[in-house]
Amino acid sequence: MISTTSLARPHLRFALGAATAGAFDTGLPVLGGLAADALFPAARPAGRAGALTLFATEGWLLGAATVPVEGELAAVTRQLYADLLKATHGRHLARIWNFVPAINEEAAGGLEHYREFCQGRSLAFEERYGRAFTMLVPAASAVGCGAAALTVAFVACDARPRHIENPLQVPAYLYPPEYGPRAPSFARATVVAQGGAATVFISGTAAIRGHVTVAPEGIAGQLACTLENLRELSRACGLGPDLGRGGRAERHFKVYVRRAADQPMIAAALDEGLLRAGDHVSYLLADICRRPLLVEIEATLFGATVTAGQGKLRAES
């Protein structure tokens, strides 16, 4: 669980669309970097769909909702995702963020909250799209928050995206049953090409090789594995090995850190090998989907130059 000593820290304010109307509190204390992040600032309010508040800009539909968890998390997740999938009908999902209460704690029935969340999410996708829904799942992340509510935010697009897997990892939706009754439903990355540039969404990436956690409880080994996964995924997306570090793309990073004491070392390593001046970066105190995992990194790039890439692609039909 996130320590109570973090309560004095500001929480990240994350905005989809107009910064004032579209911002929500993630519930994640900021350890360093920016305390606010805004994506798609040109988007404007576009009504509601179920629990979701919607925003739209040319070619994009965005939305977010925070709902209290009363009863089973799986049921709450299933209903919220049903709203989300109904709202995005006729468009393509490109990115989803999930902030899950007490993600590593067990529910009354003995199932970990993250596994309950995965169950509800998977069932909602299957109900909407049938058993072949894995071809449609986009980039995503799911981290733990201290609130007693589930927050979900999404980005959908008119253009047909490419969903991309990391050759070094088993696709999450193919994880074996040891990870829960329903496998996680997301792609490792999603690329949306528009004209001569692309928007690239890199999922929360951690020290997992195949489907196994690397260097349990060892931050140095986990960070090295995470950065190697990011390099491989960057190549698969067509960005080269460093997430377009030498290009002109606008880059946003969220770095989720389980132990606050690890943040200075992580920041120093990323400043040396991944980040550049002008990047939007937030270091956040968060529980991660597996108890042994200590760090997770995600990225969003706007105006990126991509080649065809080298990884496994899933173009939506």
Protein backbone atom coordinates (compact mmCIF):
# COMPACT_ATOMS: atom_id res chain seq x y z
CA MET A 1 0.00 0.00 0.00
CA ILE A 2 1.10 3.60 -0.60
CA SER A 3 2.61 4.90 2.64
CA THR A 4 0.68 7.38 4.76
CA THR A 5 3.88 9.46 4.89
CA SER A 6 3.14 10.42 1.29
CA LEU A 7 -0.06 12.27 2.15
CA ALA A 8 1.71 15.65 2.36
CA ARG A 9 2.94 15.36 -1.22
CA PRO A 10 0.82 16.83 -4.04
CA HIS A 11 -1.02 14.36 -6.23
CA LEU A 12 -0.55 14.31 -9.99
CA ARG A 13 -3.26 16.23 -11.83
CA PHE A 14 -3.74 14.51 -15.19
CA ALA A 15 -5.73 16.28 -17.90
CA LEU A 16 -7.27 14.92 -21.08
CA GLY A 17 -8.48 17.91 -23.03
CA ALA A 18 -8.85 21.42 -21.67
CA ALA A 19 -6.69 21.56 -18.55
CA THR A 20 -9.35 23.04 -16.28
CA ALA A 21 -12.34 20.96 -17.33
CA GLY A 22 -10.52 17.74 -18.17
CA ALA A 23 -8.17 17.40 -15.19
CA PHE A 24 -8.60 14.73 -12.54
CA ASP A 25 -6.69 13.75 -9.42
CA THR A 26 -4.87 10.46 -9.99
CA GLY A 27 -4.40 9.92 -6.26
CA LEU A 28 -0.68 9.38 -6.87
CA PRO A 29 1.81 11.44 -4.82
CA VAL A 30 4.46 13.25 -6.89
CA LEU A 31 8.04 12.33 -5.95
CA GLY A 32 9.68 14.56 -8.56
CA GLY A 33 9.15 16.27 -11.88
CA LEU A 34 5.83 17.75 -12.95
CA ALA A 35 2.79 17.77 -10.67
CA ALA A 36 0.44 18.21 -13.66
CA ASP A 37 0.34 16.69 -17.12
CA ALA A 38 -2.01 17.63 -19.96
CA LEU A 39 -2.54 15.65 -23.16
CA PHE A 40 -4.57 16.88 -26.14
CA PRO A 41 -5.03 20.43 -24.75
CA ALA A 42 -7.08 21.42 -27.81
CA ALA A 43 -9.87 18.97 -26.89
CA ARG A 44 -13.08 20.48 -25.54
CA PRO A 45 -16.03 19.07 -23.56
CA ALA A 46 -18.19 16.66 -25.57
CA GLY A 47 -20.85 15.53 -23.11
CA ARG A 48 -21.11 12.40 -21.01
CA ALA A 49 -21.53 8.66 -21.51
CA GLY A 50 -22.54 6.75 -18.42
CA ALA A 51 -20.01 7.67 -15.74
CA LEU A 52 -17.58 9.12 -18.29
CA THR A 53 -16.92 12.77 -19.02
CA LEU A 54 -15.99 13.15 -22.70
CA PHE A 55 -13.76 15.52 -24.65
CA ALA A 56 -13.14 15.74 -28.38
CA THR A 57 -10.77 17.27 -30.85
CA GLU A 58 -10.23 16.60 -34.55
CA GLY A 59 -9.82 12.85 -35.01
CA TRP A 60 -9.86 12.06 -31.27
CA LEU A 61 -12.35 11.25 -28.51
CA LEU A 62 -11.14 11.30 -24.89
CA GLY A 63 -12.82 10.47 -21.62
CA ALA A 64 -12.37 9.77 -17.93
CA ALA A 65 -14.40 8.67 -14.94
CA THR A 66 -13.87 8.06 -11.24
CA VAL A 67 -16.35 5.68 -9.64
CA PRO A 68 -16.53 4.49 -6.02
CA VAL A 69 -15.85 0.82 -5.47
CA GLU A 70 -18.77 -0.57 -3.51
CA GLY A 71 -18.90 -4.33 -3.69
CA GLU A 72 -16.77 -6.38 -6.07
CA LEU A 73 -14.12 -4.49 -8.04
CA ALA A 74 -14.67 -6.87 -10.98
CA ALA A 75 -18.30 -5.78 -11.29
CA VAL A 76 -17.46 -2.08 -10.99
CA THR A 77 -14.74 -2.43 -13.63
CA ARG A 78 -17.01 -4.39 -15.95
CA GLN A 79 -19.70 -1.69 -15.86
CA LEU A 80 -17.27 1.19 -16.31
CA TYR A 81 -15.63 -0.53 -19.27
CA ALA A 82 -19.06 -1.26 -20.75
CA ASP A 83 -19.69 2.51 -20.65
CA LEU A 84 -16.29 3.15 -22.20
CA LEU A 85 -16.76 0.68 -25.04
CA LYS A 86 -20.21 2.03 -25.80
CA ALA A 87 -18.89 5.60 -25.87
CA THR A 88 -16.11 4.68 -28.30
CA HIS A 89 -18.29 2.68 -30.71
CA GLY A 90 -17.23 3.47 -34.27
CA ARG A 91 -13.76 4.60 -33.18
CA HIS A 92 -10.57 2.76 -32.28
CA LEU A 93 -9.17 2.61 -28.77
CA ALA A 94 -5.58 3.86 -28.62
CA ARG A 95 -4.74 4.19 -24.92
CA ILE A 96 -6.28 3.49 -21.50
CA TRP A 97 -5.01 4.50 -18.06
CA ASN A 98 -6.30 2.68 -14.97
CA PHE A 99 -5.83 3.79 -11.37
CA VAL A 100 -6.88 0.85 -9.22
CA PRO A 101 -7.55 1.10 -5.47
CA ALA A 102 -5.29 -1.06 -3.26
CA ILE A 103 -4.14 -2.93 -6.35
CA ASN A 104 -2.08 -5.58 -4.50
CA GLU A 105 -4.54 -6.22 -1.66
CA GLU A 106 -6.88 -9.20 -1.58
CA ALA A 107 -10.64 -8.90 -1.84
CA ALA A 108 -12.99 -10.73 0.51
CA GLY A 109 -13.03 -13.73 -1.81
CA GLY A 110 -9.24 -14.03 -1.74
CA LEU A 111 -8.57 -12.70 -5.26
CA GLU A 112 -6.08 -9.85 -5.58
CA HIS A 113 -7.66 -6.55 -6.59
CA TYR A 114 -5.57 -6.36 -9.78
CA ARG A 115 -6.81 -9.78 -10.82
CA GLU A 116 -10.38 -8.75 -10.05
CA PHE A 117 -9.86 -5.66 -12.19
CA CYS A 118 -8.44 -7.76 -15.05
CA GLN A 119 -11.42 -10.07 -14.82
CA GLY A 120 -13.95 -7.26 -15.11
CA ARG A 121 -12.06 -5.56 -17.94
CA SER A 122 -11.70 -8.78 -19.96
CA LEU A 123 -15.36 -9.69 -19.57
CA ALA A 124 -16.45 -6.23 -20.74
CA PHE A 125 -14.25 -6.50 -23.85
CA GLU A 126 -15.53 -10.00 -24.62
CA GLU A 127 -19.17 -8.99 -24.18
CA ARG A 128 -18.70 -6.13 -26.64
CA TYR A 129 -16.46 -7.72 -29.26
CA GLY A 130 -16.59 -11.48 -28.78
CA ARG A 131 -13.74 -13.88 -28.05
CA ALA A 132 -11.45 -12.25 -30.64
CA PHE A 133 -11.39 -8.99 -28.66
CA THR A 134 -7.62 -9.26 -28.06
CA MET A 135 -7.07 -7.93 -31.59
CA LEU A 136 -8.61 -4.63 -30.44
CA VAL A 137 -7.05 -4.01 -27.04
CA PRO A 138 -4.79 -0.92 -27.00
CA ALA A 139 -1.82 0.28 -24.97
CA ALA A 140 -2.65 0.60 -21.28
CA SER A 141 -1.35 0.83 -17.74
CA ALA A 142 -2.80 -0.11 -14.36
CA VAL A 143 -1.25 1.11 -11.12
CA GLY A 144 -2.44 1.26 -7.54
CA CYS A 145 -3.81 4.37 -5.88
CA GLY A 146 -4.77 5.20 -2.32
CA ALA A 147 -8.33 6.25 -3.13
CA ALA A 148 -11.36 4.02 -2.57
CA ALA A 149 -12.41 4.56 -6.18
CA LEU A 150 -11.48 3.30 -9.63
CA THR A 151 -10.37 5.90 -12.17
CA VAL A 152 -10.19 5.08 -15.88
CA ALA A 153 -9.17 7.43 -18.68
CA PHE A 154 -9.08 6.65 -22.40
CA VAL A 155 -8.07 7.98 -25.80
CA ALA A 156 -9.82 6.79 -28.97
CA CYS A 157 -9.15 7.81 -32.56
CA ASP A 158 -10.76 7.86 -35.98
CA ALA A 159 -7.63 6.56 -37.71
CA ARG A 160 -6.95 2.83 -37.61
CA PRO A 161 -4.07 2.20 -35.16
CA ARG A 162 -1.36 -0.42 -35.02
CA HIS A 163 -1.13 -2.34 -31.76
CA ILE A 164 2.39 -3.56 -31.12
CA GLU A 165 3.96 -6.27 -28.96
CA ASN A 166 7.44 -6.55 -27.48
CA PRO A 167 9.36 -9.54 -28.92
CA LEU A 168 10.97 -10.04 -25.49
CA GLN A 169 7.62 -10.43 -23.72
CA VAL A 170 4.63 -12.70 -23.97
CA PRO A 171 1.59 -10.62 -24.96
CA ALA A 172 -0.24 -9.83 -21.74
CA TYR A 173 -3.52 -11.26 -23.06
CA LEU A 174 -1.74 -14.63 -23.49
CA TYR A 175 -0.44 -14.89 -19.92
CA PRO A 176 -0.96 -18.34 -18.36
CA PRO A 177 -3.68 -18.96 -15.71
CA GLU A 178 -1.20 -18.53 -12.84
CA TYR A 179 -1.72 -14.75 -13.25
CA GLY A 180 -5.43 -14.89 -12.60
CA PRO A 181 -8.75 -16.14 -14.00
CA ARG A 182 -8.56 -13.59 -16.83
CA ALA A 183 -5.35 -12.38 -18.45
CA PRO A 184 -4.61 -8.63 -18.61
CA SER A 185 -6.17 -7.02 -21.69
CA PHE A 186 -3.73 -4.61 -23.31
CA ALA A 187 -1.09 -4.23 -26.01
CA ARG A 188 2.49 -3.18 -25.23
CA ALA A 189 2.15 -0.09 -27.45
CA THR A 190 -0.16 1.58 -29.95
CA VAL A 191 0.87 3.75 -32.91
CA VAL A 192 -1.59 6.12 -34.58
CA ALA A 193 -0.29 7.52 -37.87
CA GLN A 194 -1.71 10.82 -39.09
CA GLY A 195 -0.22 12.43 -42.15
CA GLY A 196 3.56 12.48 -41.91
CA ALA A 197 3.72 12.05 -38.13
CA ALA A 198 2.44 9.67 -35.48
CA THR A 199 1.15 9.61 -31.95
CA VAL A 200 2.74 6.76 -30.02
CA PHE A 201 1.46 5.33 -26.75
CA ILE A 202 3.88 3.12 -24.81
CA SER A 203 2.18 1.04 -22.13
CA GLY A 204 3.39 0.84 -18.57
CA THR A 205 6.63 -1.15 -18.97
CA ALA A 206 8.36 -3.04 -16.17
CA ALA A 207 10.91 -5.80 -15.54
CA ILE A 208 9.05 -8.71 -17.12
CA ARG A 209 10.74 -11.07 -19.56
CA GLY A 210 8.45 -13.55 -21.25
CA HIS A 211 5.80 -13.46 -18.53
CA VAL A 212 8.20 -13.77 -15.55
CA THR A 213 9.28 -10.99 -13.18
CA VAL A 214 13.01 -10.23 -13.45
CA ALA A 215 15.17 -9.42 -10.40
CA PRO A 216 12.39 -9.51 -7.77
CA GLU A 217 12.92 -6.76 -5.20
CA GLY A 218 16.18 -5.59 -6.87
CA ILE A 219 15.81 -2.06 -8.24
CA ALA A 220 19.06 -1.98 -10.25
CA GLY A 221 18.27 -5.19 -12.09
CA GLN A 222 14.65 -4.23 -12.62
CA LEU A 223 15.53 -0.81 -14.01
CA ALA A 224 18.05 -2.34 -16.42
CA CYS A 225 15.46 -4.87 -17.65
CA THR A 226 12.77 -2.17 -17.94
CA LEU A 227 15.04 0.02 -20.06
CA GLU A 228 15.95 -2.95 -22.27
CA ASN A 229 12.24 -3.66 -22.76
CA LEU A 230 11.67 -0.01 -23.68
CA ARG A 231 14.51 -0.10 -26.21
CA GLU A 232 13.10 -3.24 -27.85
CA LEU A 233 9.58 -1.83 -27.86
CA SER A 234 10.85 1.47 -29.27
CA ARG A 235 12.43 -0.42 -32.18
CA ALA A 236 9.22 -2.40 -32.70
CA CYS A 237 7.28 0.87 -32.94
CA GLY A 238 9.70 2.25 -35.54
CA LEU A 239 11.18 4.91 -33.26
CA GLY A 240 14.73 3.58 -33.16
CA PRO A 241 16.21 2.36 -29.86
CA ASP A 242 15.60 5.41 -27.66
CA LEU A 243 11.93 6.42 -28.05
CA GLY A 244 12.80 9.12 -30.56
CA ARG A 245 15.19 10.90 -28.20
CA GLY A 246 17.02 12.57 -31.07
CA GLY A 247 13.88 13.67 -32.90
CA ARG A 248 11.37 16.46 -32.47
CA ALA A 249 8.48 14.58 -30.91
CA GLU A 250 6.83 16.00 -27.80
CA ARG A 251 7.41 13.32 -25.17
CA HIS A 252 5.49 12.70 -21.93
CA PHE A 253 6.70 10.16 -19.35
CA LYS A 254 5.17 8.84 -16.17
CA VAL A 255 7.52 6.87 -13.93
CA TYR A 256 5.76 4.84 -11.25
CA VAL A 257 7.96 4.07 -8.23
CA ARG A 258 6.95 1.70 -5.43
CA ARG A 259 9.57 2.87 -2.89
CA ALA A 260 10.16 6.61 -2.61
CA ALA A 261 13.81 6.06 -1.64
CA ASP A 262 14.50 4.59 -5.11
CA GLN A 263 13.40 7.72 -7.00
CA PRO A 264 16.76 9.62 -7.02
CA MET A 265 18.63 6.65 -8.48
CA ILE A 266 15.93 6.02 -11.08
CA ALA A 267 15.87 9.70 -12.07
CA ALA A 268 19.66 9.81 -12.45
CA ALA A 269 19.64 6.73 -14.69
CA LEU A 270 16.83 8.08 -16.88
CA ASP A 271 18.48 11.51 -17.19
CA GLU A 272 21.59 9.77 -18.51
CA GLY A 273 20.08 7.32 -20.93
CA LEU A 274 16.46 8.14 -21.83
CA LEU A 275 15.31 11.68 -21.11
CA ARG A 276 16.21 14.96 -22.78
CA ALA A 277 15.62 18.63 -22.07
CA GLY A 278 12.00 19.59 -22.66
CA ASP A 279 10.45 16.19 -21.85
CA HIS A 280 7.37 16.19 -19.64
CA VAL A 281 8.23 13.83 -16.76
CA SER A 282 6.47 12.93 -13.52
CA TYR A 283 7.84 10.54 -10.88
CA LEU A 284 4.91 9.07 -8.96
CA LEU A 285 4.63 6.97 -5.82
CA ALA A 286 2.47 4.03 -6.82
CA ASP A 287 1.91 0.36 -6.21
CA ILE A 288 2.46 -1.68 -9.37
CA CYS A 289 0.45 -4.62 -10.68
CA ARG A 290 2.83 -7.26 -9.25
CA ARG A 291 4.07 -7.00 -5.67
CA PRO A 292 7.76 -7.63 -6.55
CA LEU A 293 7.83 -4.89 -9.20
CA LEU A 294 9.47 -1.65 -8.06
CA VAL A 295 9.35 0.60 -11.13
CA GLU A 296 7.20 1.02 -14.25
CA ILE A 297 7.67 3.53 -17.08
CA GLU A 298 5.18 4.70 -19.70
CA ALA A 299 5.45 7.24 -22.51
CA THR A 300 3.27 9.22 -24.90
CA LEU A 301 4.81 10.84 -28.00
CA PHE A 302 3.19 13.43 -30.24
CA GLY A 303 4.52 14.27 -33.70
CA ALA A 304 6.84 11.27 -33.82
CA THR A 305 8.61 10.04 -36.93
CA VAL A 306 8.22 6.28 -37.27
CA THR A 307 9.37 3.66 -39.75
CA ALA A 308 7.58 0.38 -40.33
CA GLY A 309 9.15 -0.99 -37.13
CA GLN A 310 10.51 -4.47 -36.47
CA GLY A 311 8.10 -5.96 -33.97
CA LYS A 312 4.90 -7.96 -34.08
CA LEU A 313 2.02 -5.77 -35.22
CA ARG A 314 -1.72 -6.16 -34.85
CA ALA A 315 -3.54 -3.91 -37.31
CA GLU A 316 -7.24 -3.75 -36.52
CA SER A 317 -9.50 -5.25 -39.17
